[in-house]
Amino acid sequence: MRFIVDESTGAAVIEYLRSVGYDVFAVAEAMPQADDAVVLARAVSEERVLITNDKDFGELVFRSGQAYHHGVVLLRLRDESPANRIRVLETILERYAEQLARHFIVATERGVRIRPVKSI
């Protein structure tokens, strides 16, 4: 599985994903301060699941008509510490890895909502 990690998500998530063998494109490293639409377009073109904690991607996907994507994981956490982000992401990867592609996933400390949407 291939991921693109949004700048707002943090270096710890990037390091964790790479350490367990995933192919990760880090927005902060390759295209800092990129517009969200550009990040989403890159994710689509490279068939990467986007990991973010930026609610604006929900706006892009559902309200602005850019409903095509390869998959989005939106982390909506009360505890934004790197350790908690990684803990929640580990749970998602353990339990929902097969559903990451072609779904919009919202994850909190209390649970996960999975919504299929159009994909390319």
C-alpha atoms as a PDB file:
ATOM      1  CA  MET A   1       0.000   0.000   0.000  1.00  0.00           C
ATOM      2  CA  ARG A   2       1.190   3.478  -0.851  1.00  0.00           C
ATOM      3  CA  PHE A   3       0.501   6.575   1.228  1.00  0.00           C
ATOM      4  CA  ILE A   4       0.782  10.316   0.910  1.00  0.00           C
ATOM      5  CA  VAL A   5       1.030  12.003   4.300  1.00  0.00           C
ATOM      6  CA  ASP A   6      -0.209  15.570   4.537  1.00  0.00           C
ATOM      7  CA  GLU A   7       2.081  18.174   6.016  1.00  0.00           C
ATOM      8  CA  SER A   8      -0.170  18.718   9.033  1.00  0.00           C
ATOM      9  CA  THR A   9       0.014  15.071  10.073  1.00  0.00           C
ATOM     10  CA  GLY A  10       3.616  15.181  11.202  1.00  0.00           C
ATOM     11  CA  ALA A  11       7.000  13.564  10.778  1.00  0.00           C
ATOM     12  CA  ALA A  12       6.362  10.836  13.368  1.00  0.00           C
ATOM     13  CA  VAL A  13       3.596   9.314  11.232  1.00  0.00           C
ATOM     14  CA  ILE A  14       5.857   9.381   8.177  1.00  0.00           C
ATOM     15  CA  GLU A  15       8.693   7.728  10.091  1.00  0.00           C
ATOM     16  CA  TYR A  16       6.366   5.091  11.545  1.00  0.00           C
ATOM     17  CA  LEU A  17       4.874   4.139   8.170  1.00  0.00           C
ATOM     18  CA  ARG A  18       8.301   3.920   6.567  1.00  0.00           C
ATOM     19  CA  SER A  19       9.662   1.868   9.472  1.00  0.00           C
ATOM     20  CA  VAL A  20       7.004  -0.793   8.915  1.00  0.00           C
ATOM     21  CA  GLY A  21       7.701  -0.943   5.191  1.00  0.00           C
ATOM     22  CA  TYR A  22       5.157   1.306   3.495  1.00  0.00           C
ATOM     23  CA  ASP A  23       5.900   3.474   0.475  1.00  0.00           C
ATOM     24  CA  VAL A  24       5.316   7.007   1.782  1.00  0.00           C
ATOM     25  CA  PHE A  25       5.308  10.321  -0.059  1.00  0.00           C
ATOM     26  CA  ALA A  26       5.714  13.112   2.508  1.00  0.00           C
ATOM     27  CA  VAL A  27       4.188  16.424   1.486  1.00  0.00           C
ATOM     28  CA  ALA A  28       6.378  18.251   4.024  1.00  0.00           C
ATOM     29  CA  GLU A  29       9.519  16.903   2.358  1.00  0.00           C
ATOM     30  CA  ALA A  30       8.660  17.142  -1.318  1.00  0.00           C
ATOM     31  CA  MET A  31       6.107  19.932  -1.692  1.00  0.00           C
ATOM     32  CA  PRO A  32       5.802  21.970   1.519  1.00  0.00           C
ATOM     33  CA  GLN A  33       2.840  24.339   1.775  1.00  0.00           C
ATOM     34  CA  ALA A  34       1.162  22.764  -1.254  1.00  0.00           C
ATOM     35  CA  ASP A  35      -2.498  23.548  -1.794  1.00  0.00           C
ATOM     36  CA  ASP A  36      -4.868  20.800  -0.643  1.00  0.00           C
ATOM     37  CA  ALA A  37      -6.235  20.308  -4.166  1.00  0.00           C
ATOM     38  CA  VAL A  38      -2.683  19.735  -5.431  1.00  0.00           C
ATOM     39  CA  VAL A  39      -2.028  17.200  -2.667  1.00  0.00           C
ATOM     40  CA  LEU A  40      -5.261  15.355  -3.457  1.00  0.00           C
ATOM     41  CA  ALA A  41      -4.454  15.364  -7.187  1.00  0.00           C
ATOM     42  CA  ARG A  42      -1.016  13.892  -6.452  1.00  0.00           C
ATOM     43  CA  ALA A  43      -2.594  11.181  -4.317  1.00  0.00           C
ATOM     44  CA  VAL A  44      -4.968  10.319  -7.150  1.00  0.00           C
ATOM     45  CA  SER A  45      -2.315  10.307  -9.860  1.00  0.00           C
ATOM     46  CA  GLU A  46       0.005   8.064  -7.816  1.00  0.00           C
ATOM     47  CA  GLU A  47      -2.796   5.894  -6.375  1.00  0.00           C
ATOM     48  CA  ARG A  48      -1.849   6.753  -2.798  1.00  0.00           C
ATOM     49  CA  VAL A  49      -4.079   6.782   0.264  1.00  0.00           C
ATOM     50  CA  LEU A  50      -3.985  10.244   1.819  1.00  0.00           C
ATOM     51  CA  ILE A  51      -3.453  10.499   5.563  1.00  0.00           C
ATOM     52  CA  THR A  52      -4.330  13.874   7.046  1.00  0.00           C
ATOM     53  CA  ASN A  53      -5.762  15.627  10.056  1.00  0.00           C
ATOM     54  CA  ASP A  54      -6.980  18.548   7.943  1.00  0.00           C
ATOM     55  CA  LYS A  55     -10.785  18.726   7.681  1.00  0.00           C
ATOM     56  CA  ASP A  56     -10.474  20.720   4.461  1.00  0.00           C
ATOM     57  CA  PHE A  57      -9.994  17.457   2.568  1.00  0.00           C
ATOM     58  CA  GLY A  58     -13.531  16.493   3.538  1.00  0.00           C
ATOM     59  CA  GLU A  59     -14.691  19.729   1.935  1.00  0.00           C
ATOM     60  CA  LEU A  60     -12.756  18.927  -1.234  1.00  0.00           C
ATOM     61  CA  VAL A  61     -14.023  15.379  -1.475  1.00  0.00           C
ATOM     62  CA  PHE A  62     -17.677  15.814  -0.538  1.00  0.00           C
ATOM     63  CA  ARG A  63     -18.747  19.407  -0.980  1.00  0.00           C
ATOM     64  CA  SER A  64     -16.588  20.775  -3.762  1.00  0.00           C
ATOM     65  CA  GLY A  65     -17.266  18.008  -6.239  1.00  0.00           C
ATOM     66  CA  GLN A  66     -13.780  16.468  -6.218  1.00  0.00           C
ATOM     67  CA  ALA A  67     -15.152  13.154  -5.100  1.00  0.00           C
ATOM     68  CA  TYR A  68     -12.539  11.096  -6.901  1.00  0.00           C
ATOM     69  CA  HIS A  69      -9.670   9.857  -4.784  1.00  0.00           C
ATOM     70  CA  HIS A  70      -7.790   6.688  -4.034  1.00  0.00           C
ATOM     71  CA  GLY A  71      -8.599   6.817  -0.313  1.00  0.00           C
ATOM     72  CA  VAL A  72      -8.464   9.295   2.553  1.00  0.00           C
ATOM     73  CA  VAL A  73      -7.813   8.716   6.248  1.00  0.00           C
ATOM     74  CA  LEU A  74      -8.817  11.770   8.292  1.00  0.00           C
ATOM     75  CA  LEU A  75      -7.468  11.710  11.843  1.00  0.00           C
ATOM     76  CA  ARG A  76      -9.854  13.650  14.112  1.00  0.00           C
ATOM     77  CA  LEU A  77      -8.076  13.267  17.434  1.00  0.00           C
ATOM     78  CA  ARG A  78      -8.431  15.073  20.739  1.00  0.00           C
ATOM     79  CA  ASP A  79      -4.905  14.048  21.660  1.00  0.00           C
ATOM     80  CA  GLU A  80      -2.779  15.242  18.732  1.00  0.00           C
ATOM     81  CA  SER A  81       0.463  13.858  20.153  1.00  0.00           C
ATOM     82  CA  PRO A  82       2.647  11.885  17.742  1.00  0.00           C
ATOM     83  CA  ALA A  83       2.316   8.787  19.931  1.00  0.00           C
ATOM     84  CA  ASN A  84      -1.491   8.916  19.798  1.00  0.00           C
ATOM     85  CA  ARG A  85      -1.546   9.542  16.056  1.00  0.00           C
ATOM     86  CA  ILE A  86       0.616   6.472  15.550  1.00  0.00           C
ATOM     87  CA  ARG A  87      -1.462   4.376  17.952  1.00  0.00           C
ATOM     88  CA  VAL A  88      -4.691   5.216  16.108  1.00  0.00           C
ATOM     89  CA  LEU A  89      -3.059   4.636  12.726  1.00  0.00           C
ATOM     90  CA  GLU A  90      -1.737   1.242  13.870  1.00  0.00           C
ATOM     91  CA  THR A  91      -5.283   0.264  14.810  1.00  0.00           C
ATOM     92  CA  ILE A  92      -6.606   1.397  11.436  1.00  0.00           C
ATOM     93  CA  LEU A  93      -3.935  -0.571   9.584  1.00  0.00           C
ATOM     94  CA  GLU A  94      -4.581  -3.697  11.686  1.00  0.00           C
ATOM     95  CA  ARG A  95      -8.354  -3.669  11.394  1.00  0.00           C
ATOM     96  CA  TYR A  96      -9.210  -1.795   8.202  1.00  0.00           C
ATOM     97  CA  ALA A  97      -6.237  -2.071   5.816  1.00  0.00           C
ATOM     98  CA  GLU A  98      -8.342  -3.700   3.110  1.00  0.00           C
ATOM     99  CA  GLN A  99     -10.844  -0.826   3.230  1.00  0.00           C
ATOM    100  CA  LEU A 100      -8.399   2.078   3.021  1.00  0.00           C
ATOM    101  CA  ALA A 101      -8.400   2.301  -0.753  1.00  0.00           C
ATOM    102  CA  ARG A 102     -11.480   3.908  -2.254  1.00  0.00           C
ATOM    103  CA  HIS A 103     -12.971   4.943   1.078  1.00  0.00           C
ATOM    104  CA  PHE A 104     -13.076   8.094   3.168  1.00  0.00           C
ATOM    105  CA  ILE A 105     -12.222   7.088   6.722  1.00  0.00           C
ATOM    106  CA  VAL A 106     -12.629   9.309   9.754  1.00  0.00           C
ATOM    107  CA  ALA A 107     -10.785   8.019  12.810  1.00  0.00           C
ATOM    108  CA  THR A 108     -11.057   9.202  16.395  1.00  0.00           C
ATOM    109  CA  GLU A 109      -9.879   7.689  19.629  1.00  0.00           C
ATOM    110  CA  ARG A 110     -13.394   6.302  20.072  1.00  0.00           C
ATOM    111  CA  GLY A 111     -13.946   4.715  16.685  1.00  0.00           C
ATOM    112  CA  VAL A 112     -13.778   4.691  12.919  1.00  0.00           C
ATOM    113  CA  ARG A 113     -16.341   5.704  10.291  1.00  0.00           C
ATOM    114  CA  ILE A 114     -15.876   4.349   6.788  1.00  0.00           C
ATOM    115  CA  ARG A 115     -17.637   5.830   3.807  1.00  0.00           C
ATOM    116  CA  PRO A 116     -17.176   4.559   0.250  1.00  0.00           C
ATOM    117  CA  VAL A 117     -16.972   7.245  -2.387  1.00  0.00           C
ATOM    118  CA  LYS A 118     -16.258   7.478  -6.078  1.00  0.00           C
ATOM    119  CA  SER A 119     -12.740   6.643  -7.088  1.00  0.00           C
ATOM    120  CA  ILE A 120     -10.762   6.600 -10.267  1.00  0.00           C
END
